Amino acid sequence: MKEKLLALDSTRLEQFVRAWVKSKSIYFEVQSFRGTGDRGRDVVGFLTKERHEGDWDNYQCKQYNSSLPTATGILEVGKILYYSF
C-alpha cells in the first residue's frame, strides 16, 4: 500500500486524502484547497458548521523525492500555524 501511495502524483494524492477524510463520519464538511493562496491547507475536515471559526482538521498532502530540509519543514508548519490563528 505504501508504494502505491508514494506513486501518486500530487493531484491524485489530494483526491485520495479527500476521499479518505470524507469517509470519516466525524466531519460536518470536507473541502479541498489548491494552488497558491491555500494557506497551508490541502484538505480540511470541518467538525462544525462554523467551518474555520469552529474546530477543524488540516491534512497537508506533500511528497518529496528526498528528506525534507529542516528549513522547508519549518516553513510548511509555520504557514499552517500562522493562517490557523
PDB file of N, CA and C in Angstrom:
ATOM      1  N   MET A   1       0.818  -1.195   0.000  1.00  0.00           N
ATOM      2  CA  MET A   1       0.000   0.000   0.000  1.00  0.00           C
ATOM      3  C   MET A   1       0.864   1.262   0.000  1.00  0.00           C
ATOM      4  N   LYS A   2       1.937   1.266   0.810  1.00  0.00           N
ATOM      5  CA  LYS A   2       2.817   2.428   0.888  1.00  0.00           C
ATOM      6  C   LYS A   2       3.382   2.780  -0.486  1.00  0.00           C
ATOM      7  N   GLU A   3       3.784   1.773  -1.244  1.00  0.00           N
ATOM      8  CA  GLU A   3       4.356   2.011  -2.561  1.00  0.00           C
ATOM      9  C   GLU A   3       3.328   2.637  -3.501  1.00  0.00           C
ATOM     10  N   LYS A   4       2.071   2.215  -3.391  1.00  0.00           N
ATOM     11  CA  LYS A   4       1.025   2.786  -4.244  1.00  0.00           C
ATOM     12  C   LYS A   4       0.787   4.253  -3.906  1.00  0.00           C
ATOM     13  N   LEU A   5       0.789   4.587  -2.617  1.00  0.00           N
ATOM     14  CA  LEU A   5       0.614   5.984  -2.219  1.00  0.00           C
ATOM     15  C   LEU A   5       1.774   6.844  -2.691  1.00  0.00           C
ATOM     16  N   LEU A   6       2.988   6.333  -2.574  1.00  0.00           N
ATOM     17  CA  LEU A   6       4.167   7.084  -2.992  1.00  0.00           C
ATOM     18  C   LEU A   6       4.188   7.318  -4.499  1.00  0.00           C
ATOM     19  N   ALA A   7       3.518   6.470  -5.258  1.00  0.00           N
ATOM     20  CA  ALA A   7       3.491   6.591  -6.719  1.00  0.00           C
ATOM     21  C   ALA A   7       2.475   7.621  -7.205  1.00  0.00           C
ATOM     22  N   LEU A   8       1.582   8.081  -6.340  1.00  0.00           N
ATOM     23  CA  LEU A   8       0.560   9.038  -6.761  1.00  0.00           C
ATOM     24  C   LEU A   8       1.170  10.413  -7.021  1.00  0.00           C
ATOM     25  N   ASP A   9       0.695  11.077  -8.072  1.00  0.00           N
ATOM     26  CA  ASP A   9       1.118  12.457  -8.277  1.00  0.00           C
ATOM     27  C   ASP A   9       0.346  13.344  -7.292  1.00  0.00           C
ATOM     28  N   SER A  10       0.684  14.620  -7.230  1.00  0.00           N
ATOM     29  CA  SER A  10       0.108  15.499  -6.212  1.00  0.00           C
ATOM     30  C   SER A  10      -1.415  15.610  -6.310  1.00  0.00           C
ATOM     31  N   THR A  11      -1.950  15.656  -7.520  1.00  0.00           N
ATOM     32  CA  THR A  11      -3.399  15.753  -7.684  1.00  0.00           C
ATOM     33  C   THR A  11      -4.099  14.496  -7.195  1.00  0.00           C
ATOM     34  N   ARG A  12      -3.583  13.351  -7.575  1.00  0.00           N
ATOM     35  CA  ARG A  12      -4.208  12.084  -7.161  1.00  0.00           C
ATOM     36  C   ARG A  12      -4.052  11.844  -5.662  1.00  0.00           C
ATOM     37  N   LEU A  13      -2.937  12.290  -5.095  1.00  0.00           N
ATOM     38  CA  LEU A  13      -2.754  12.160  -3.650  1.00  0.00           C
ATOM     39  C   LEU A  13      -3.809  12.983  -2.911  1.00  0.00           C
ATOM     40  N   GLU A  14      -4.031  14.220  -3.340  1.00  0.00           N
ATOM     41  CA  GLU A  14      -5.058  15.052  -2.709  1.00  0.00           C
ATOM     42  C   GLU A  14      -6.444  14.433  -2.872  1.00  0.00           C
ATOM     43  N   GLN A  15      -6.724  13.853  -4.033  1.00  0.00           N
ATOM     44  CA  GLN A  15      -8.018  13.194  -4.248  1.00  0.00           C
ATOM     45  C   GLN A  15      -8.176  12.011  -3.298  1.00  0.00           C
ATOM     46  N   PHE A  16      -7.114  11.237  -3.133  1.00  0.00           N
ATOM     47  CA  PHE A  16      -7.152  10.092  -2.228  1.00  0.00           C
ATOM     48  C   PHE A  16      -7.393  10.553  -0.794  1.00  0.00           C
ATOM     49  N   VAL A  17      -6.638  11.557  -0.357  1.00  0.00           N
ATOM     50  CA  VAL A  17      -6.777  12.050   1.013  1.00  0.00           C
ATOM     51  C   VAL A  17      -8.172  12.623   1.228  1.00  0.00           C
ATOM     52  N   ARG A  18      -8.686  13.372   0.256  1.00  0.00           N
ATOM     53  CA  ARG A  18     -10.032  13.942   0.384  1.00  0.00           C
ATOM     54  C   ARG A  18     -11.075  12.833   0.527  1.00  0.00           C
ATOM     55  N   ALA A  19     -10.975  11.808  -0.278  1.00  0.00           N
ATOM     56  CA  ALA A  19     -11.918  10.685  -0.193  1.00  0.00           C
ATOM     57  C   ALA A  19     -11.807   9.978   1.154  1.00  0.00           C
ATOM     58  N   TRP A  20     -10.590   9.818   1.649  1.00  0.00           N
ATOM     59  CA  TRP A  20     -10.375   9.172   2.949  1.00  0.00           C
ATOM     60  C   TRP A  20     -10.974  10.018   4.076  1.00  0.00           C
ATOM     61  N   VAL A  21     -10.737  11.343   4.015  1.00  0.00           N
ATOM     62  CA  VAL A  21     -11.277  12.235   5.051  1.00  0.00           C
ATOM     63  C   VAL A  21     -12.804  12.236   4.996  1.00  0.00           C
ATOM     64  N   LYS A  22     -13.365  12.268   3.791  1.00  0.00           N
ATOM     65  CA  LYS A  22     -14.833  12.244   3.656  1.00  0.00           C
ATOM     66  C   LYS A  22     -15.437  10.959   4.208  1.00  0.00           C
ATOM     67  N   SER A  23     -14.673   9.881   4.203  1.00  0.00           N
ATOM     68  CA  SER A  23     -15.199   8.610   4.699  1.00  0.00           C
ATOM     69  C   SER A  23     -15.320   8.595   6.223  1.00  0.00           C
ATOM     70  N   LYS A  24     -14.690   9.563   6.888  1.00  0.00           N
ATOM     71  CA  LYS A  24     -14.775   9.657   8.341  1.00  0.00           C
ATOM     72  C   LYS A  24     -16.077  10.364   8.708  1.00  0.00           C
ATOM     73  N   SER A  25     -16.845   9.785   9.580  1.00  0.00           N
ATOM     74  CA  SER A  25     -18.167  10.332   9.900  1.00  0.00           C
ATOM     75  C   SER A  25     -18.124  11.514  10.863  1.00  0.00           C
ATOM     76  N   ILE A  26     -16.951  11.912  11.320  1.00  0.00           N
ATOM     77  CA  ILE A  26     -16.876  12.994  12.308  1.00  0.00           C
ATOM     78  C   ILE A  26     -16.981  14.388  11.694  1.00  0.00           C
ATOM     79  N   TYR A  27     -16.860  14.498  10.368  1.00  0.00           N
ATOM     80  CA  TYR A  27     -16.802  15.815   9.748  1.00  0.00           C
ATOM     81  C   TYR A  27     -18.158  16.285   9.241  1.00  0.00           C
ATOM     82  N   PHE A  28     -18.439  17.559   9.520  1.00  0.00           N
ATOM     83  CA  PHE A  28     -19.635  18.219   9.014  1.00  0.00           C
ATOM     84  C   PHE A  28     -19.490  18.477   7.516  1.00  0.00           C
ATOM     85  N   GLU A  29     -18.267  18.838   7.118  1.00  0.00           N
ATOM     86  CA  GLU A  29     -17.977  19.145   5.713  1.00  0.00           C
ATOM     87  C   GLU A  29     -16.492  18.928   5.455  1.00  0.00           C
ATOM     88  N   VAL A  30     -16.157  18.565   4.228  1.00  0.00           N
ATOM     89  CA  VAL A  30     -14.760  18.398   3.812  1.00  0.00           C
ATOM     90  C   VAL A  30     -14.554  19.274   2.585  1.00  0.00           C
ATOM     91  N   GLN A  31     -13.439  20.023   2.574  1.00  0.00           N
ATOM     92  CA  GLN A  31     -13.154  20.900   1.449  1.00  0.00           C
ATOM     93  C   GLN A  31     -11.692  20.795   1.067  1.00  0.00           C
ATOM     94  N   SER A  32     -11.418  20.894  -0.234  1.00  0.00           N
ATOM     95  CA  SER A  32     -10.048  20.919  -0.748  1.00  0.00           C
ATOM     96  C   SER A  32      -9.677  22.352  -1.098  1.00  0.00           C
ATOM     97  N   PHE A  33      -8.434  22.699  -0.862  1.00  0.00           N
ATOM     98  CA  PHE A  33      -7.895  23.998  -1.248  1.00  0.00           C
ATOM     99  C   PHE A  33      -6.695  23.714  -2.131  1.00  0.00           C
ATOM    100  N   ARG A  34      -6.552  24.464  -3.218  1.00  0.00           N
ATOM    101  CA  ARG A  34      -5.476  24.179  -4.166  1.00  0.00           C
ATOM    102  C   ARG A  34      -4.747  25.437  -4.578  1.00  0.00           C
ATOM    103  N   GLY A  35      -3.509  25.235  -4.946  1.00  0.00           N
ATOM    104  CA  GLY A  35      -2.717  26.292  -5.552  1.00  0.00           C
ATOM    105  C   GLY A  35      -2.226  27.343  -4.576  1.00  0.00           C
ATOM    106  N   THR A  36      -1.681  28.406  -5.146  1.00  0.00           N
ATOM    107  CA  THR A  36      -1.198  29.495  -4.307  1.00  0.00           C
ATOM    108  C   THR A  36      -2.374  30.096  -3.560  1.00  0.00           C
ATOM    109  N   GLY A  37      -2.133  30.484  -2.351  1.00  0.00           N
ATOM    110  CA  GLY A  37      -3.200  31.046  -1.532  1.00  0.00           C
ATOM    111  C   GLY A  37      -3.964  30.011  -0.739  1.00  0.00           C
ATOM    112  N   ASP A  38      -3.495  28.759  -0.747  1.00  0.00           N
ATOM    113  CA  ASP A  38      -4.206  27.731   0.023  1.00  0.00           C
ATOM    114  C   ASP A  38      -3.926  27.832   1.520  1.00  0.00           C
ATOM    115  N   ARG A  39      -2.980  28.708   1.882  1.00  0.00           N
ATOM    116  CA  ARG A  39      -2.636  28.990   3.278  1.00  0.00           C
ATOM    117  C   ARG A  39      -2.239  27.720   4.048  1.00  0.00           C
ATOM    118  N   GLY A  40      -1.559  26.820   3.360  1.00  0.00           N
ATOM    119  CA  GLY A  40      -1.089  25.605   4.006  1.00  0.00           C
ATOM    120  C   GLY A  40      -2.150  24.542   4.174  1.00  0.00           C
ATOM    121  N   ARG A  41      -3.316  24.740   3.552  1.00  0.00           N
ATOM    122  CA  ARG A  41      -4.405  23.767   3.651  1.00  0.00           C
ATOM    123  C   ARG A  41      -4.543  23.047   2.320  1.00  0.00           C
ATOM    124  N   ASP A  42      -4.532  21.733   2.349  1.00  0.00           N
ATOM    125  CA  ASP A  42      -4.828  20.962   1.147  1.00  0.00           C
ATOM    126  C   ASP A  42      -6.221  20.366   1.252  1.00  0.00           C
ATOM    127  N   VAL A  43      -6.467  19.648   2.325  1.00  0.00           N
ATOM    128  CA  VAL A  43      -7.797  19.081   2.593  1.00  0.00           C
ATOM    129  C   VAL A  43      -8.146  19.435   4.039  1.00  0.00           C
ATOM    130  N   VAL A  44      -9.333  19.990   4.236  1.00  0.00           N
ATOM    131  CA  VAL A  44      -9.775  20.379   5.571  1.00  0.00           C
ATOM    132  C   VAL A  44     -11.062  19.654   5.911  1.00  0.00           C
ATOM    133  N   GLY A  45     -11.089  19.070   7.098  1.00  0.00           N
ATOM    134  CA  GLY A  45     -12.298  18.450   7.625  1.00  0.00           C
ATOM    135  C   GLY A  45     -12.869  19.349   8.705  1.00  0.00           C
ATOM    136  N   PHE A  46     -14.030  19.943   8.434  1.00  0.00           N
ATOM    137  CA  PHE A  46     -14.667  20.839   9.396  1.00  0.00           C
ATOM    138  C   PHE A  46     -15.553  20.017  10.328  1.00  0.00           C
ATOM    139  N   LEU A  47     -15.368  20.211  11.620  1.00  0.00           N
ATOM    140  CA  LEU A  47     -16.131  19.462  12.615  1.00  0.00           C
ATOM    141  C   LEU A  47     -17.482  20.102  12.917  1.00  0.00           C
ATOM    142  N   THR A  48     -17.643  21.387  12.560  1.00  0.00           N
ATOM    143  CA  THR A  48     -18.900  22.096  12.824  1.00  0.00           C
ATOM    144  C   THR A  48     -19.274  22.954  11.627  1.00  0.00           C
ATOM    145  N   LYS A  49     -20.491  23.443  11.630  1.00  0.00           N
ATOM    146  CA  LYS A  49     -20.950  24.312  10.545  1.00  0.00           C
ATOM    147  C   LYS A  49     -20.268  25.674  10.578  1.00  0.00           C
ATOM    148  N   GLU A  50     -19.572  25.987  11.667  1.00  0.00           N
ATOM    149  CA  GLU A  50     -18.849  27.252  11.764  1.00  0.00           C
ATOM    150  C   GLU A  50     -17.567  27.246  10.922  1.00  0.00           C
ATOM    151  N   ARG A  51     -17.266  26.113  10.341  1.00  0.00           N
ATOM    152  CA  ARG A  51     -16.109  25.938   9.477  1.00  0.00           C
ATOM    153  C   ARG A  51     -14.826  26.430  10.137  1.00  0.00           C
ATOM    154  N   HIS A  52     -14.128  27.418   9.569  1.00  0.00           N
ATOM    155  CA  HIS A  52     -12.858  27.870  10.150  1.00  0.00           C
ATOM    156  C   HIS A  52     -13.015  28.548  11.504  1.00  0.00           C
ATOM    157  N   GLU A  53     -14.194  29.002  11.822  1.00  0.00           N
ATOM    158  CA  GLU A  53     -14.431  29.622  13.128  1.00  0.00           C
ATOM    159  C   GLU A  53     -14.619  28.579  14.219  1.00  0.00           C
ATOM    160  N   GLY A  54     -14.886  27.351  13.835  1.00  0.00           N
ATOM    161  CA  GLY A  54     -15.031  26.245  14.773  1.00  0.00           C
ATOM    162  C   GLY A  54     -13.812  25.346  14.716  1.00  0.00           C
ATOM    163  N   ASP A  55     -13.973  24.128  15.189  1.00  0.00           N
ATOM    164  CA  ASP A  55     -12.870  23.158  15.151  1.00  0.00           C
ATOM    165  C   ASP A  55     -12.750  22.544  13.759  1.00  0.00           C
ATOM    166  N   TRP A  56     -11.506  22.342  13.330  1.00  0.00           N
ATOM    167  CA  TRP A  56     -11.254  21.723  12.031  1.00  0.00           C
ATOM    168  C   TRP A  56      -9.897  21.061  12.030  1.00  0.00           C
ATOM    169  N   ASP A  57      -9.760  20.086  11.145  1.00  0.00           N
ATOM    170  CA  ASP A  57      -8.504  19.353  10.978  1.00  0.00           C
ATOM    171  C   ASP A  57      -7.939  19.646   9.598  1.00  0.00           C
ATOM    172  N   ASN A  58      -6.633  19.866   9.547  1.00  0.00           N
ATOM    173  CA  ASN A  58      -5.955  20.158   8.295  1.00  0.00           C
ATOM    174  C   ASN A  58      -5.136  18.949   7.861  1.00  0.00           C
ATOM    175  N   TYR A  59      -5.244  18.582   6.600  1.00  0.00           N
ATOM    176  CA  TYR A  59      -4.455  17.492   6.026  1.00  0.00           C
ATOM    177  C   TYR A  59      -3.579  18.076   4.928  1.00  0.00           C
ATOM    178  N   GLN A  60      -2.298  18.080   5.162  1.00  0.00           N
ATOM    179  CA  GLN A  60      -1.317  18.593   4.205  1.00  0.00           C
ATOM    180  C   GLN A  60      -0.844  17.431   3.343  1.00  0.00           C
ATOM    181  N   CYS A  61      -0.925  17.580   2.042  1.00  0.00           N
ATOM    182  CA  CYS A  61      -0.594  16.498   1.108  1.00  0.00           C
ATOM    183  C   CYS A  61       0.670  16.843   0.336  1.00  0.00           C
ATOM    184  N   LYS A  62       1.788  16.476   0.882  1.00  0.00           N
ATOM    185  CA  LYS A  62       3.058  16.754   0.225  1.00  0.00           C
ATOM    186  C   LYS A  62       3.852  15.469   0.084  1.00  0.00           C
ATOM    187  N   GLN A  63       4.558  15.387  -1.026  1.00  0.00           N
ATOM    188  CA  GLN A  63       5.501  14.292  -1.221  1.00  0.00           C
ATOM    189  C   GLN A  63       6.786  14.882  -1.773  1.00  0.00           C
ATOM    190  N   TYR A  64       7.887  14.438  -1.207  1.00  0.00           N
ATOM    191  CA  TYR A  64       9.200  14.896  -1.646  1.00  0.00           C
ATOM    192  C   TYR A  64      10.010  13.682  -2.082  1.00  0.00           C
ATOM    193  N   ASN A  65      10.932  13.901  -3.011  1.00  0.00           N
ATOM    194  CA  ASN A  65      11.772  12.816  -3.508  1.00  0.00           C
ATOM    195  C   ASN A  65      12.891  12.441  -2.538  1.00  0.00           C
ATOM    196  N   SER A  66      13.178  13.326  -1.594  1.00  0.00           N
ATOM    197  CA  SER A  66      14.246  13.061  -0.632  1.00  0.00           C
ATOM    198  C   SER A  66      13.836  13.637   0.719  1.00  0.00           C
ATOM    199  N   SER A  67      14.719  13.492   1.681  1.00  0.00           N
ATOM    200  CA  SER A  67      14.434  14.013   3.013  1.00  0.00           C
ATOM    201  C   SER A  67      14.176  15.512   2.946  1.00  0.00           C
ATOM    202  N   LEU A  68      13.257  15.950   3.755  1.00  0.00           N
ATOM    203  CA  LEU A  68      12.870  17.355   3.783  1.00  0.00           C
ATOM    204  C   LEU A  68      13.874  18.153   4.603  1.00  0.00           C
ATOM    205  N   PRO A  69      14.451  19.199   4.024  1.00  0.00           N
ATOM    206  CA  PRO A  69      15.343  20.053   4.808  1.00  0.00           C
ATOM    207  C   PRO A  69      14.571  20.697   5.963  1.00  0.00           C
ATOM    208  N   THR A  70      15.223  20.873   7.078  1.00  0.00           N
ATOM    209  CA  THR A  70      14.575  21.430   8.265  1.00  0.00           C
ATOM    210  C   THR A  70      13.908  22.766   7.965  1.00  0.00           C
ATOM    211  N   ALA A  71      14.576  23.644   7.250  1.00  0.00           N
ATOM    212  CA  ALA A  71      14.033  24.968   6.951  1.00  0.00           C
ATOM    213  C   ALA A  71      12.729  24.875   6.169  1.00  0.00           C
ATOM    214  N   THR A  72      12.652  23.956   5.229  1.00  0.00           N
ATOM    215  CA  THR A  72      11.432  23.770   4.440  1.00  0.00           C
ATOM    216  C   THR A  72      10.311  23.242   5.321  1.00  0.00           C
ATOM    217  N   GLY A  73      10.621  22.294   6.183  1.00  0.00           N
ATOM    218  CA  GLY A  73       9.619  21.747   7.103  1.00  0.00           C
ATOM    219  C   GLY A  73       9.079  22.804   8.037  1.00  0.00           C
ATOM    220  N   ILE A  74       9.964  23.626   8.576  1.00  0.00           N
ATOM    221  CA  ILE A  74       9.537  24.698   9.473  1.00  0.00           C
ATOM    222  C   ILE A  74       8.653  25.694   8.734  1.00  0.00           C
ATOM    223  N   LEU A  75       8.997  26.014   7.510  1.00  0.00           N
ATOM    224  CA  LEU A  75       8.186  26.934   6.704  1.00  0.00           C
ATOM    225  C   LEU A  75       6.777  26.383   6.500  1.00  0.00           C
ATOM    226  N   GLU A  76       6.660  25.101   6.160  1.00  0.00           N
ATOM    227  CA  GLU A  76       5.343  24.492   5.935  1.00  0.00           C
ATOM    228  C   GLU A  76       4.500  24.482   7.216  1.00  0.00           C
ATOM    229  N   VAL A  77       5.105  24.097   8.330  1.00  0.00           N
ATOM    230  CA  VAL A  77       4.390  24.103   9.612  1.00  0.00           C
ATOM    231  C   VAL A  77       4.034  25.537   9.995  1.00  0.00           C
ATOM    232  N   GLY A  78       4.953  26.460   9.756  1.00  0.00           N
ATOM    233  CA  GLY A  78       4.701  27.870  10.061  1.00  0.00           C
ATOM    234  C   GLY A  78       3.509  28.429   9.315  1.00  0.00           C
ATOM    235  N   LYS A  79       3.347  28.054   8.037  1.00  0.00           N
ATOM    236  CA  LYS A  79       2.185  28.522   7.265  1.00  0.00           C
ATOM    237  C   LYS A  79       0.886  28.061   7.911  1.00  0.00           C
ATOM    238  N   ILE A  80       0.848  26.805   8.299  1.00  0.00           N
ATOM    239  CA  ILE A  80      -0.360  26.270   8.903  1.00  0.00           C
ATOM    240  C   ILE A  80      -0.666  26.992  10.215  1.00  0.00           C
ATOM    241  N   LEU A  81       0.339  27.153  11.056  1.00  0.00           N
ATOM    242  CA  LEU A  81       0.129  27.846  12.334  1.00  0.00           C
ATOM    243  C   LEU A  81      -0.289  29.292  12.140  1.00  0.00           C
ATOM    244  N   TYR A  82       0.386  29.994  11.246  1.00  0.00           N
ATOM    245  CA  TYR A  82       0.081  31.401  11.003  1.00  0.00           C
ATOM    246  C   TYR A  82      -1.358  31.603  10.541  1.00  0.00           C
ATOM    247  N   TYR A  83      -1.753  30.863   9.524  1.00  0.00           N
ATOM    248  CA  TYR A  83      -3.076  31.069   8.943  1.00  0.00           C
ATOM    249  C   TYR A  83      -4.210  30.463   9.787  1.00  0.00           C
ATOM    250  N   SER A  84      -3.891  29.530  10.682  1.00  0.00           N
ATOM    251  CA  SER A  84      -4.960  28.963  11.500  1.00  0.00           C
ATOM    252  C   SER A  84      -5.308  29.859  12.679  1.00  0.00           C
ATOM    253  N   PHE A  85      -4.433  30.804  12.991  1.00  0.00           N
ATOM    254  CA  PHE A  85      -4.737  31.750  14.051  1.00  0.00           C
ATOM    255  C   PHE A  85      -5.164  33.057  13.468  1.00  0.00           C
TER     256      PHE A  85
END
